Amino acid sequence: MRRKEIGGRLLRRPQRNESAATVVGFCTGAHTAVGGMPDAPLMEDVILAHRLGRKYLAPMNLTVRTDASAYIRDGWFLRAGKNLWRLLCFISGRSAARLAEDYRR
């Protein structure tokens, strides 16, 4: 069974290029059943995870490598704090489009 990955990008270890973020796997069939990847400018992983629900999500013990340049530029705690704030705003009802506008500023 093929797995696809979505991952959080909030938590990272300073001065290393390995993520401590949680990665979640799901079956391709489940991905198709909920309409595939959402067309959203931001928070598409959150929307997809919400659509899939706990029934189709399974945690995976993986190390994920991502680009740390934004964290280095903005500062580790500030960048992670802003990302957490955006997630809380999204969960509270702010649109992904509005969050994307704020993100670009």
Protein backbone atom coordinates (compact mmCIF):
# COMPACT_ATOMS: atom_id res chain seq x y z
CA MET A 1 0.00 0.00 0.00
CA ARG A 2 1.54 3.32 -1.08
CA ARG A 3 1.74 6.07 1.53
CA LYS A 4 1.81 9.82 1.07
CA GLU A 5 3.21 12.19 3.65
CA ILE A 6 2.14 15.47 5.10
CA GLY A 7 4.18 17.09 7.78
CA GLY A 8 4.21 19.92 10.22
CA ARG A 9 6.95 22.43 9.74
CA LEU A 10 6.92 24.10 13.13
CA LEU A 11 9.49 22.38 15.29
CA ARG A 12 13.09 22.22 14.18
CA ARG A 13 16.40 21.76 15.94
CA PRO A 14 18.63 24.82 15.69
CA GLN A 15 21.79 24.49 13.56
CA ARG A 16 20.73 21.17 12.12
CA ASN A 17 18.84 20.41 8.95
CA GLU A 18 16.66 17.70 10.43
CA SER A 19 13.08 18.40 11.45
CA ALA A 20 11.52 17.34 14.72
CA ALA A 21 8.10 17.85 13.18
CA THR A 22 5.42 15.18 13.20
CA VAL A 23 4.85 13.42 9.89
CA VAL A 24 1.55 11.73 9.22
CA GLY A 25 0.91 9.03 6.61
CA PHE A 26 -2.26 8.03 4.85
CA CYS A 27 -3.34 5.64 2.09
CA THR A 28 -3.63 6.88 -1.48
CA GLY A 29 -7.22 5.56 -1.58
CA ALA A 30 -8.16 7.70 1.42
CA HIS A 31 -6.48 10.70 -0.20
CA THR A 32 -8.61 10.20 -3.32
CA ALA A 33 -11.78 9.57 -1.29
CA VAL A 34 -11.62 13.01 0.33
CA GLY A 35 -11.03 14.83 -2.95
CA GLY A 36 -7.24 14.95 -3.04
CA MET A 37 -5.06 17.84 -1.99
CA PRO A 38 -7.11 20.96 -1.21
CA ASP A 39 -6.65 24.03 -3.41
CA ALA A 40 -5.63 26.44 -0.64
CA PRO A 41 -2.81 28.97 -0.54
CA LEU A 42 -1.88 28.00 3.02
CA MET A 43 -2.90 25.35 5.58
CA GLU A 44 -3.58 22.75 2.90
CA ASP A 45 -2.03 20.06 5.12
CA VAL A 46 -4.33 21.01 7.99
CA ILE A 47 -7.40 20.96 5.72
CA LEU A 48 -6.43 17.56 4.34
CA ALA A 49 -5.80 16.10 7.80
CA HIS A 50 -9.20 17.40 8.95
CA ARG A 51 -10.91 15.83 5.91
CA LEU A 52 -9.19 12.49 6.48
CA GLY A 53 -9.88 12.35 10.19
CA ARG A 54 -8.26 9.99 12.68
CA LYS A 55 -9.57 6.93 10.86
CA TYR A 56 -7.12 7.36 7.97
CA LEU A 57 -4.14 9.04 9.67
CA ALA A 58 -1.26 7.17 11.25
CA PRO A 59 1.83 8.68 12.87
CA MET A 60 5.15 7.70 11.32
CA ASN A 61 8.49 7.70 13.08
CA LEU A 62 10.53 9.56 10.45
CA THR A 63 13.08 12.31 10.22
CA VAL A 64 12.13 15.00 7.73
CA ARG A 65 14.62 17.34 6.07
CA THR A 66 13.38 20.82 5.21
CA ASP A 67 14.87 24.18 4.34
CA ALA A 68 15.85 26.03 7.51
CA SER A 69 16.62 29.38 5.85
CA ALA A 70 13.38 31.06 6.99
CA TYR A 71 14.01 29.92 10.58
CA ILE A 72 17.59 31.19 10.46
CA ARG A 73 16.51 34.50 8.91
CA ASP A 74 13.56 35.14 11.26
CA GLY A 75 14.82 33.40 14.38
CA TRP A 76 13.77 29.96 15.51
CA PHE A 77 11.29 30.95 18.22
CA LEU A 78 9.76 33.87 16.32
CA ARG A 79 9.19 31.80 13.17
CA ALA A 80 7.71 28.86 15.08
CA GLY A 81 5.56 31.25 17.15
CA LYS A 82 4.17 32.94 14.05
CA ASN A 83 3.39 29.57 12.47
CA LEU A 84 1.60 28.43 15.62
CA TRP A 85 -0.35 31.71 15.71
CA ARG A 86 -1.43 31.21 12.07
CA LEU A 87 -2.59 27.69 12.86
CA LEU A 88 -4.63 28.91 15.84
CA CYS A 89 -6.18 31.68 13.70
CA PHE A 90 -7.07 29.15 11.00
CA ILE A 91 -8.64 26.75 13.49
CA SER A 92 -10.60 29.70 14.90
CA GLY A 93 -12.11 30.43 11.50
CA ARG A 94 -9.80 32.80 9.61
CA SER A 95 -9.64 31.89 5.92
CA ALA A 96 -6.54 30.37 4.36
CA ALA A 97 -6.55 33.18 1.78
CA ARG A 98 -6.44 35.84 4.51
CA LEU A 99 -3.65 34.00 6.32
CA ALA A 100 -1.70 33.76 3.05
CA GLU A 101 -1.97 37.55 2.62
CA ASP A 102 -0.64 38.07 6.14
CA TYR A 103 2.11 35.50 5.52
CA ARG A 104 3.42 37.36 2.45
CA ARG A 105 3.81 40.61 4.40
